[in-house]
Amino acid sequence: MAGVLVTTTVNGDPVQFACPTDETLLDSLRDRVGLTGAKEGCGTGDCGACSITLDGQLVCSCLVLGVEANGREVTTVEGMTEGGQLHPLQEKFIEHAALQCGICTPGFLVAAKALLDKNNDPSEQDIRYALAGNLCRCTGYDKIVHAVQAAAVEMRKSTSKRKSKR
């Protein structure tokens, strides 16, 4: 295979892979790195199923070339767990039945985390705006919004507990 050697960080771990110059980051993550959480829903950046963060910026990985990840920080839905513990967003999505078929779920989780990393107390409007690039055909959006709201509350409680222990 002719390609370019890409050296990057994925979910906090150094990773190297070779990929053709025309391969999407989505395909590189799935086929070369073995991370299958991001899904291809549309291939045109319209559905958000392939959402990841690249240097902390939410992007559709179907619109980014794999070679563009060279020297950069990639975070996927697999990077949300810490020490085998689900992220509060993942827990609340389960608790609030905010998922069904699972195609869109990784993208919603990554987009919601990107929002909560910047705004730990978002309004419903903030949440709906932040998730507007993600489409779901199964659940409707209310359960997803409620799960994000509940996760935000949980994360704020956890942060305030850590601060009070200092």
N, C-alpha and C. Protein backbone atom coordinates (compact mmCIF):
# COMPACT_ATOMS: atom_id res chain seq x y z
N MET A 1 0.84 -1.18 0.00
CA MET A 1 0.00 0.00 0.00
C MET A 1 0.88 1.24 0.00
N ALA A 2 0.64 2.10 -0.93
CA ALA A 2 1.32 3.38 -0.92
C ALA A 2 0.55 4.30 0.01
N GLY A 3 1.28 5.00 0.84
CA GLY A 3 0.59 5.88 1.77
C GLY A 3 1.57 6.73 2.54
N VAL A 4 1.04 7.43 3.51
CA VAL A 4 1.80 8.33 4.34
C VAL A 4 1.76 7.80 5.77
N LEU A 5 2.90 7.86 6.44
CA LEU A 5 2.96 7.46 7.85
C LEU A 5 2.44 8.63 8.68
N VAL A 6 1.41 8.36 9.47
CA VAL A 6 0.79 9.38 10.31
C VAL A 6 1.14 9.05 11.76
N THR A 7 1.67 10.03 12.46
CA THR A 7 1.97 9.91 13.88
C THR A 7 1.06 10.88 14.61
N THR A 8 0.24 10.35 15.48
CA THR A 8 -0.77 11.16 16.14
C THR A 8 -1.00 10.66 17.56
N THR A 9 -1.86 11.32 18.27
CA THR A 9 -2.30 10.86 19.58
C THR A 9 -3.80 10.61 19.48
N VAL A 10 -4.20 9.40 19.84
CA VAL A 10 -5.61 9.04 19.79
C VAL A 10 -6.04 8.62 21.19
N ASN A 11 -6.99 9.35 21.73
CA ASN A 11 -7.50 9.08 23.08
C ASN A 11 -6.38 9.02 24.11
N GLY A 12 -5.40 9.91 23.93
CA GLY A 12 -4.31 10.03 24.89
C GLY A 12 -3.13 9.11 24.63
N ASP A 13 -3.24 8.21 23.67
CA ASP A 13 -2.17 7.26 23.38
C ASP A 13 -1.49 7.60 22.06
N PRO A 14 -0.16 7.49 22.01
CA PRO A 14 0.53 7.71 20.73
C PRO A 14 0.18 6.59 19.76
N VAL A 15 -0.08 6.96 18.52
CA VAL A 15 -0.49 6.00 17.49
C VAL A 15 0.22 6.35 16.19
N GLN A 16 0.62 5.32 15.46
CA GLN A 16 1.14 5.50 14.11
C GLN A 16 0.37 4.59 13.18
N PHE A 17 0.07 5.09 12.00
CA PHE A 17 -0.57 4.26 10.98
C PHE A 17 -0.21 4.82 9.61
N ALA A 18 -0.22 3.95 8.63
CA ALA A 18 0.02 4.37 7.25
C ALA A 18 -1.33 4.41 6.55
N CYS A 19 -1.55 5.46 5.78
CA CYS A 19 -2.81 5.52 5.05
C CYS A 19 -2.62 6.23 3.72
N PRO A 20 -3.46 5.88 2.76
CA PRO A 20 -3.44 6.59 1.49
C PRO A 20 -3.81 8.06 1.71
N THR A 21 -3.33 8.91 0.86
CA THR A 21 -3.56 10.34 1.03
C THR A 21 -5.01 10.74 0.83
N ASP A 22 -5.81 9.88 0.21
CA ASP A 22 -7.22 10.22 -0.01
C ASP A 22 -8.18 9.51 0.96
N GLU A 23 -7.64 8.86 1.98
CA GLU A 23 -8.48 8.14 2.94
C GLU A 23 -8.97 9.07 4.03
N THR A 24 -10.24 8.95 4.39
CA THR A 24 -10.78 9.79 5.45
C THR A 24 -10.24 9.37 6.80
N LEU A 25 -10.26 10.31 7.73
CA LEU A 25 -9.86 9.99 9.10
C LEU A 25 -10.80 8.95 9.68
N LEU A 26 -12.07 9.01 9.34
CA LEU A 26 -13.03 8.00 9.80
C LEU A 26 -12.55 6.61 9.41
N ASP A 27 -12.20 6.43 8.13
CA ASP A 27 -11.74 5.12 7.67
C ASP A 27 -10.41 4.74 8.31
N SER A 28 -9.53 5.70 8.50
CA SER A 28 -8.25 5.42 9.16
C SER A 28 -8.47 4.94 10.60
N LEU A 29 -9.34 5.64 11.32
CA LEU A 29 -9.61 5.25 12.71
C LEU A 29 -10.22 3.86 12.77
N ARG A 30 -11.15 3.57 11.89
CA ARG A 30 -11.84 2.29 11.91
C ARG A 30 -10.96 1.16 11.38
N ASP A 31 -10.33 1.37 10.22
CA ASP A 31 -9.63 0.29 9.53
C ASP A 31 -8.17 0.13 9.91
N ARG A 32 -7.52 1.19 10.34
CA ARG A 32 -6.09 1.11 10.63
C ARG A 32 -5.80 1.15 12.13
N VAL A 33 -6.61 1.91 12.88
CA VAL A 33 -6.38 2.03 14.32
C VAL A 33 -7.26 1.04 15.09
N GLY A 34 -8.35 0.59 14.48
CA GLY A 34 -9.22 -0.40 15.12
C GLY A 34 -10.26 0.19 16.05
N LEU A 35 -10.53 1.48 15.92
CA LEU A 35 -11.55 2.13 16.75
C LEU A 35 -12.81 2.28 15.90
N THR A 36 -13.82 1.50 16.22
CA THR A 36 -15.02 1.46 15.39
C THR A 36 -16.20 2.22 15.97
N GLY A 37 -15.97 3.02 17.01
CA GLY A 37 -17.06 3.77 17.62
C GLY A 37 -17.68 4.78 16.68
N ALA A 38 -16.87 5.57 16.01
CA ALA A 38 -17.38 6.55 15.05
C ALA A 38 -17.98 5.78 13.88
N LYS A 39 -19.17 6.17 13.47
CA LYS A 39 -19.89 5.47 12.41
C LYS A 39 -20.01 6.32 11.17
N GLU A 40 -20.08 5.67 10.01
CA GLU A 40 -20.36 6.40 8.78
C GLU A 40 -21.86 6.34 8.54
N GLY A 41 -22.50 7.49 8.69
CA GLY A 41 -23.93 7.55 8.45
C GLY A 41 -24.24 8.10 7.08
N CYS A 42 -23.53 9.15 6.67
CA CYS A 42 -23.85 9.80 5.40
C CYS A 42 -22.63 9.95 4.49
N GLY A 43 -21.45 10.10 5.08
CA GLY A 43 -20.24 10.32 4.28
C GLY A 43 -20.10 11.72 3.75
N THR A 44 -21.01 12.63 4.14
CA THR A 44 -20.97 14.00 3.63
C THR A 44 -20.95 15.05 4.75
N GLY A 45 -20.83 14.62 6.00
CA GLY A 45 -20.77 15.56 7.11
C GLY A 45 -22.11 16.12 7.53
N ASP A 46 -23.19 15.49 7.10
CA ASP A 46 -24.52 15.99 7.41
C ASP A 46 -25.18 15.35 8.63
N CYS A 47 -24.70 14.18 9.09
CA CYS A 47 -25.43 13.47 10.14
C CYS A 47 -24.73 13.46 11.50
N GLY A 48 -23.43 13.66 11.54
CA GLY A 48 -22.71 13.70 12.81
C GLY A 48 -22.37 12.37 13.42
N ALA A 49 -22.72 11.25 12.79
CA ALA A 49 -22.44 9.94 13.36
C ALA A 49 -20.95 9.67 13.51
N CYS A 50 -20.14 10.35 12.73
CA CYS A 50 -18.69 10.14 12.76
C CYS A 50 -17.95 11.20 13.57
N SER A 51 -18.68 11.94 14.40
CA SER A 51 -18.08 13.05 15.16
C SER A 51 -16.95 12.59 16.07
N ILE A 52 -15.87 13.34 16.05
CA ILE A 52 -14.72 13.17 16.92
C ILE A 52 -14.25 14.58 17.29
N THR A 53 -13.26 14.66 18.17
CA THR A 53 -12.61 15.96 18.33
C THR A 53 -11.18 15.85 17.80
N LEU A 54 -10.77 16.90 17.15
CA LEU A 54 -9.43 17.01 16.59
C LEU A 54 -8.84 18.27 17.20
N ASP A 55 -7.82 18.09 18.05
CA ASP A 55 -7.25 19.20 18.82
C ASP A 55 -8.35 19.95 19.58
N GLY A 56 -9.30 19.19 20.13
CA GLY A 56 -10.36 19.76 20.94
C GLY A 56 -11.52 20.36 20.18
N GLN A 57 -11.45 20.35 18.86
CA GLN A 57 -12.50 20.93 18.01
C GLN A 57 -13.37 19.80 17.46
N LEU A 58 -14.67 19.92 17.62
CA LEU A 58 -15.60 18.92 17.10
C LEU A 58 -15.58 18.94 15.58
N VAL A 59 -15.38 17.76 14.97
CA VAL A 59 -15.35 17.65 13.51
C VAL A 59 -16.03 16.34 13.09
N CYS A 60 -16.49 16.33 11.87
CA CYS A 60 -16.97 15.10 11.25
C CYS A 60 -15.76 14.41 10.63
N SER A 61 -15.43 13.23 11.13
CA SER A 61 -14.21 12.56 10.65
C SER A 61 -14.33 12.08 9.22
N CYS A 62 -15.53 12.07 8.66
CA CYS A 62 -15.68 11.70 7.24
C CYS A 62 -15.25 12.83 6.32
N LEU A 63 -15.08 14.03 6.89
CA LEU A 63 -14.68 15.19 6.08
C LEU A 63 -13.21 15.58 6.26
N VAL A 64 -12.49 14.82 7.08
CA VAL A 64 -11.09 15.08 7.37
C VAL A 64 -10.27 13.92 6.80
N LEU A 65 -9.17 14.22 6.19
CA LEU A 65 -8.30 13.16 5.70
C LEU A 65 -7.48 12.58 6.85
N GLY A 66 -7.18 11.30 6.77
CA GLY A 66 -6.38 10.66 7.79
C GLY A 66 -5.03 11.33 7.96
N VAL A 67 -4.42 11.77 6.87
CA VAL A 67 -3.11 12.41 6.95
C VAL A 67 -3.16 13.74 7.69
N GLU A 68 -4.34 14.35 7.78
CA GLU A 68 -4.48 15.61 8.51
C GLU A 68 -4.37 15.43 10.02
N ALA A 69 -4.43 14.20 10.48
CA ALA A 69 -4.30 13.93 11.93
C ALA A 69 -2.84 13.91 12.36
N ASN A 70 -1.92 13.95 11.42
CA ASN A 70 -0.51 13.89 11.76
C ASN A 70 -0.13 15.01 12.74
N GLY A 71 0.45 14.62 13.88
CA GLY A 71 0.90 15.58 14.87
C GLY A 71 -0.22 16.20 15.70
N ARG A 72 -1.41 15.64 15.59
CA ARG A 72 -2.56 16.25 16.28
C ARG A 72 -3.15 15.30 17.30
N GLU A 73 -4.08 15.82 18.08
CA GLU A 73 -4.75 15.07 19.14
C GLU A 73 -6.16 14.70 18.68
N VAL A 74 -6.43 13.40 18.62
CA VAL A 74 -7.73 12.89 18.20
C VAL A 74 -8.41 12.26 19.41
N THR A 75 -9.68 12.58 19.61
CA THR A 75 -10.46 11.93 20.67
C THR A 75 -11.73 11.38 20.06
N THR A 76 -11.97 10.10 20.32
CA THR A 76 -13.15 9.41 19.82
C THR A 76 -14.04 9.03 21.00
N VAL A 77 -15.18 8.46 20.72
CA VAL A 77 -16.09 8.02 21.78
C VAL A 77 -15.41 7.00 22.70
N GLU A 78 -14.50 6.20 22.16
CA GLU A 78 -13.79 5.23 22.99
C GLU A 78 -12.93 5.91 24.06
N GLY A 79 -12.54 7.15 23.82
CA GLY A 79 -11.72 7.89 24.76
C GLY A 79 -12.51 8.53 25.90
N MET A 80 -13.81 8.34 25.92
CA MET A 80 -14.63 8.93 26.98
C MET A 80 -14.54 8.17 28.29
N THR A 81 -14.31 6.88 28.24
CA THR A 81 -14.23 6.10 29.48
C THR A 81 -12.88 6.33 30.14
N GLU A 82 -12.88 6.26 31.46
CA GLU A 82 -11.63 6.40 32.21
C GLU A 82 -11.51 5.25 33.18
N GLY A 83 -10.47 4.45 33.02
CA GLY A 83 -10.25 3.33 33.92
C GLY A 83 -11.40 2.34 33.92
N GLY A 84 -12.02 2.15 32.77
CA GLY A 84 -13.14 1.22 32.67
C GLY A 84 -14.47 1.79 33.13
N GLN A 85 -14.47 3.02 33.61
CA GLN A 85 -15.70 3.67 34.08
C GLN A 85 -16.34 4.45 32.94
N LEU A 86 -17.63 4.28 32.78
CA LEU A 86 -18.34 5.06 31.77
C LEU A 86 -18.32 6.54 32.16
N HIS A 87 -18.27 7.38 31.16
CA HIS A 87 -18.38 8.82 31.36
C HIS A 87 -19.82 9.11 31.81
N PRO A 88 -20.03 10.15 32.62
CA PRO A 88 -21.41 10.48 33.04
C PRO A 88 -22.38 10.63 31.86
N LEU A 89 -21.92 11.13 30.73
CA LEU A 89 -22.79 11.22 29.56
C LEU A 89 -23.25 9.84 29.12
N GLN A 90 -22.32 8.89 29.08
CA GLN A 90 -22.68 7.53 28.67
C GLN A 90 -23.68 6.93 29.65
N GLU A 91 -23.45 7.14 30.94
CA GLU A 91 -24.36 6.62 31.96
C GLU A 91 -25.76 7.23 31.80
N LYS A 92 -25.82 8.53 31.58
CA LYS A 92 -27.11 9.21 31.48
C LYS A 92 -27.83 8.87 30.18
N PHE A 93 -27.10 8.61 29.10
CA PHE A 93 -27.74 8.17 27.87
C PHE A 93 -28.44 6.83 28.10
N ILE A 94 -27.81 5.95 28.86
CA ILE A 94 -28.42 4.66 29.18
C ILE A 94 -29.62 4.89 30.10
N GLU A 95 -29.41 5.64 31.16
CA GLU A 95 -30.45 5.89 32.16
C GLU A 95 -31.70 6.53 31.56
N HIS A 96 -31.51 7.44 30.62
CA HIS A 96 -32.63 8.18 30.02
C HIS A 96 -33.11 7.56 28.71
N ALA A 97 -32.62 6.36 28.39
CA ALA A 97 -33.00 5.68 27.14
C ALA A 97 -32.82 6.59 25.94
N ALA A 98 -31.69 7.26 25.89
CA ALA A 98 -31.42 8.24 24.84
C ALA A 98 -30.71 7.60 23.65
N LEU A 99 -30.88 6.31 23.48
CA LEU A 99 -30.27 5.62 22.35
C LEU A 99 -31.14 4.44 21.96
N GLN A 100 -31.07 4.08 20.70
CA GLN A 100 -31.77 2.90 20.25
C GLN A 100 -30.87 2.09 19.33
N CYS A 101 -30.81 2.43 18.06
CA CYS A 101 -30.04 1.59 17.14
C CYS A 101 -28.53 1.74 17.34
N GLY A 102 -28.07 2.89 17.82
CA GLY A 102 -26.67 3.09 18.14
C GLY A 102 -25.82 3.72 17.05
N ILE A 103 -26.35 3.91 15.87
CA ILE A 103 -25.54 4.51 14.80
C ILE A 103 -25.17 5.95 15.16
N CYS A 104 -26.10 6.73 15.65
CA CYS A 104 -25.84 8.14 15.93
C CYS A 104 -25.24 8.37 17.31
N THR A 105 -25.38 7.40 18.21
CA THR A 105 -25.03 7.61 19.62
C THR A 105 -23.59 8.07 19.84
N PRO A 106 -22.58 7.44 19.22
CA PRO A 106 -21.21 7.92 19.45
C PRO A 106 -21.03 9.38 19.08
N GLY A 107 -21.61 9.79 17.98
CA GLY A 107 -21.50 11.18 17.56
C GLY A 107 -22.17 12.13 18.53
N PHE A 108 -23.35 11.76 19.01
CA PHE A 108 -24.03 12.59 20.00
C PHE A 108 -23.21 12.69 21.28
N LEU A 109 -22.64 11.58 21.72
CA LEU A 109 -21.83 11.59 22.95
C LEU A 109 -20.63 12.50 22.80
N VAL A 110 -19.92 12.39 21.69
CA VAL A 110 -18.73 13.22 21.47
C VAL A 110 -19.12 14.70 21.37
N ALA A 111 -20.20 14.99 20.66
CA ALA A 111 -20.65 16.38 20.53
C ALA A 111 -21.09 16.94 21.88
N ALA A 112 -21.80 16.14 22.66
CA ALA A 112 -22.26 16.59 23.98
C ALA A 112 -21.07 16.81 24.91
N LYS A 113 -20.08 15.93 24.84
CA LYS A 113 -18.88 16.11 25.67
C LYS A 113 -18.14 17.38 25.27
N ALA A 114 -18.04 17.64 23.97
CA ALA A 114 -17.38 18.86 23.50
C ALA A 114 -18.11 20.09 24.06
N LEU A 115 -19.43 20.04 24.10
CA LEU A 115 -20.20 21.14 24.68
C LEU A 115 -19.90 21.28 26.17
N LEU A 116 -20.02 20.18 26.92
CA LEU A 116 -19.85 20.24 28.37
C LEU A 116 -18.42 20.57 28.78
N ASP A 117 -17.45 20.27 27.93
CA ASP A 117 -16.07 20.67 28.21
C ASP A 117 -15.92 22.20 28.17
N LYS A 118 -16.76 22.85 27.38
CA LYS A 118 -16.70 24.31 27.25
C LYS A 118 -17.73 25.02 28.12
N ASN A 119 -18.85 24.36 28.40
CA ASN A 119 -19.95 24.98 29.13
C ASN A 119 -20.56 23.92 30.04
N ASN A 120 -20.24 23.97 31.31
CA ASN A 120 -20.70 22.92 32.22
C ASN A 120 -22.13 23.14 32.73
N ASP A 121 -22.77 24.23 32.32
CA ASP A 121 -24.14 24.50 32.73
C ASP A 121 -24.94 25.04 31.54
N PRO A 122 -25.07 24.23 30.49
CA PRO A 122 -25.75 24.72 29.28
C PRO A 122 -27.27 24.76 29.45
N SER A 123 -27.88 25.71 28.80
CA SER A 123 -29.34 25.75 28.75
C SER A 123 -29.82 24.70 27.75
N GLU A 124 -31.12 24.44 27.75
CA GLU A 124 -31.67 23.50 26.77
C GLU A 124 -31.37 24.00 25.35
N GLN A 125 -31.48 25.30 25.16
CA GLN A 125 -31.19 25.88 23.84
C GLN A 125 -29.73 25.66 23.46
N ASP A 126 -28.81 25.83 24.42
CA ASP A 126 -27.39 25.58 24.16
C ASP A 126 -27.16 24.14 23.71
N ILE A 127 -27.81 23.22 24.41
CA ILE A 127 -27.66 21.80 24.10
C ILE A 127 -28.19 21.50 22.70
N ARG A 128 -29.38 21.97 22.43
CA ARG A 128 -29.98 21.71 21.10
C ARG A 128 -29.14 22.32 19.99
N TYR A 129 -28.59 23.49 20.23
CA TYR A 129 -27.73 24.13 19.24
C TYR A 129 -26.45 23.32 19.03
N ALA A 130 -25.83 22.89 20.13
CA ALA A 130 -24.58 22.13 20.04
C ALA A 130 -24.76 20.78 19.36
N LEU A 131 -25.96 20.22 19.47
CA LEU A 131 -26.23 18.90 18.89
C LEU A 131 -26.93 18.99 17.53
N ALA A 132 -27.10 20.19 17.01
CA ALA A 132 -27.84 20.37 15.76
C ALA A 132 -27.20 19.67 14.57
N GLY A 133 -25.92 19.43 14.63
CA GLY A 133 -25.24 18.74 13.53
C GLY A 133 -25.32 17.23 13.60
N ASN A 134 -26.03 16.72 14.59
CA ASN A 134 -26.18 15.28 14.77
C ASN A 134 -27.63 14.89 14.54
N LEU A 135 -27.83 13.90 13.71
CA LEU A 135 -29.18 13.46 13.37
C LEU A 135 -29.48 12.09 13.97
N CYS A 136 -30.72 11.92 14.43
CA CYS A 136 -31.18 10.65 14.98
C CYS A 136 -32.52 10.32 14.35
N ARG A 137 -32.67 9.10 13.89
CA ARG A 137 -33.94 8.68 13.31
C ARG A 137 -34.79 7.88 14.29
N CYS A 138 -34.22 7.47 15.42
CA CYS A 138 -34.92 6.53 16.30
C CYS A 138 -35.52 7.15 17.55
N THR A 139 -34.74 7.91 18.30
CA THR A 139 -35.16 8.29 19.65
C THR A 139 -35.95 9.58 19.71
N GLY A 140 -35.83 10.43 18.73
CA GLY A 140 -36.30 11.80 18.93
C GLY A 140 -35.21 12.47 19.76
N TYR A 141 -35.33 13.73 19.98
CA TYR A 141 -34.23 14.44 20.60
C TYR A 141 -34.45 14.75 22.08
N ASP A 142 -35.67 14.69 22.56
CA ASP A 142 -35.92 15.06 23.95
C ASP A 142 -35.14 14.19 24.93
N LYS A 143 -35.12 12.89 24.72
CA LYS A 143 -34.39 12.00 25.64
C LYS A 143 -32.90 12.31 25.61
N ILE A 144 -32.38 12.64 24.46
CA ILE A 144 -30.97 12.98 24.33
C ILE A 144 -30.67 14.27 25.09
N VAL A 145 -31.52 15.28 24.90
CA VAL A 145 -31.33 16.56 25.59
C VAL A 145 -31.42 16.36 27.10
N HIS A 146 -32.39 15.57 27.56
CA HIS A 146 -32.54 15.33 29.00
C HIS A 146 -31.33 14.58 29.56
N ALA A 147 -30.78 13.66 28.79
CA ALA A 147 -29.59 12.93 29.22
C ALA A 147 -28.40 13.87 29.36
N VAL A 148 -28.24 14.79 28.43
CA VAL A 148 -27.14 15.76 28.50
C VAL A 148 -27.33 16.69 29.69
N GLN A 149 -28.56 17.13 29.92
CA GLN A 149 -28.83 17.99 31.08
C GLN A 149 -28.49 17.26 32.38
N ALA A 150 -28.89 16.00 32.50
CA ALA A 150 -28.61 15.22 33.70
C ALA A 150 -27.12 14.98 33.88
N ALA A 151 -26.43 14.73 32.79
CA ALA A 151 -24.97 14.54 32.87
C ALA A 151 -24.29 15.82 33.31
N ALA A 152 -24.76 16.96 32.82
CA ALA A 152 -24.16 18.25 33.22
C ALA A 152 -24.30 18.44 34.72
N VAL A 153 -25.48 18.12 35.26
CA VAL A 153 -25.69 18.25 36.71
C VAL A 153 -24.73 17.31 37.45
N GLU A 154 -24.65 16.08 37.01
CA GLU A 154 -23.76 15.09 37.64
C GLU A 154 -22.30 15.54 37.59
N MET A 155 -21.89 16.06 36.45
CA MET A 155 -20.50 16.48 36.30
C MET A 155 -20.20 17.71 37.17
N ARG A 156 -21.15 18.61 37.30
CA ARG A 156 -20.94 19.78 38.18
C ARG A 156 -20.82 19.33 39.63
N LYS A 157 -21.65 18.38 40.05
CA LYS A 157 -21.56 17.85 41.42
C LYS A 157 -20.20 17.22 41.67
N SER A 158 -19.75 16.43 40.71
CA SER A 158 -18.46 15.75 40.83
C SER A 158 -17.31 16.76 40.91
N THR A 159 -17.40 17.81 40.09
CA THR A 159 -16.36 18.85 40.10
C THR A 159 -16.35 19.60 41.43
N SER A 160 -17.52 19.93 41.95
CA SER A 160 -17.57 20.67 43.21
C SER A 160 -17.09 19.80 44.38
N LYS A 161 -17.33 18.49 44.33
CA LYS A 161 -16.83 17.59 45.37
C LYS A 161 -15.31 17.54 45.36
N ARG A 162 -14.73 17.47 44.15
CA ARG A 162 -13.27 17.45 44.03
C ARG A 162 -12.66 18.74 44.55
N LYS A 163 -13.30 19.87 44.24
CA LYS A 163 -12.79 21.16 44.69
C LYS A 163 -12.87 21.29 46.21
N SER A 164 -13.94 20.78 46.82
CA SER A 164 -14.10 20.90 48.27
C SER A 164 -13.12 20.00 49.04
N LYS A 165 -12.61 18.97 48.40
CA LYS A 165 -11.64 18.08 49.06
C LYS A 165 -10.24 18.67 49.07
N ARG A 166 -10.01 19.69 48.30
CA ARG A 166 -8.66 20.29 48.22
C ARG A 166 -8.35 21.12 49.40
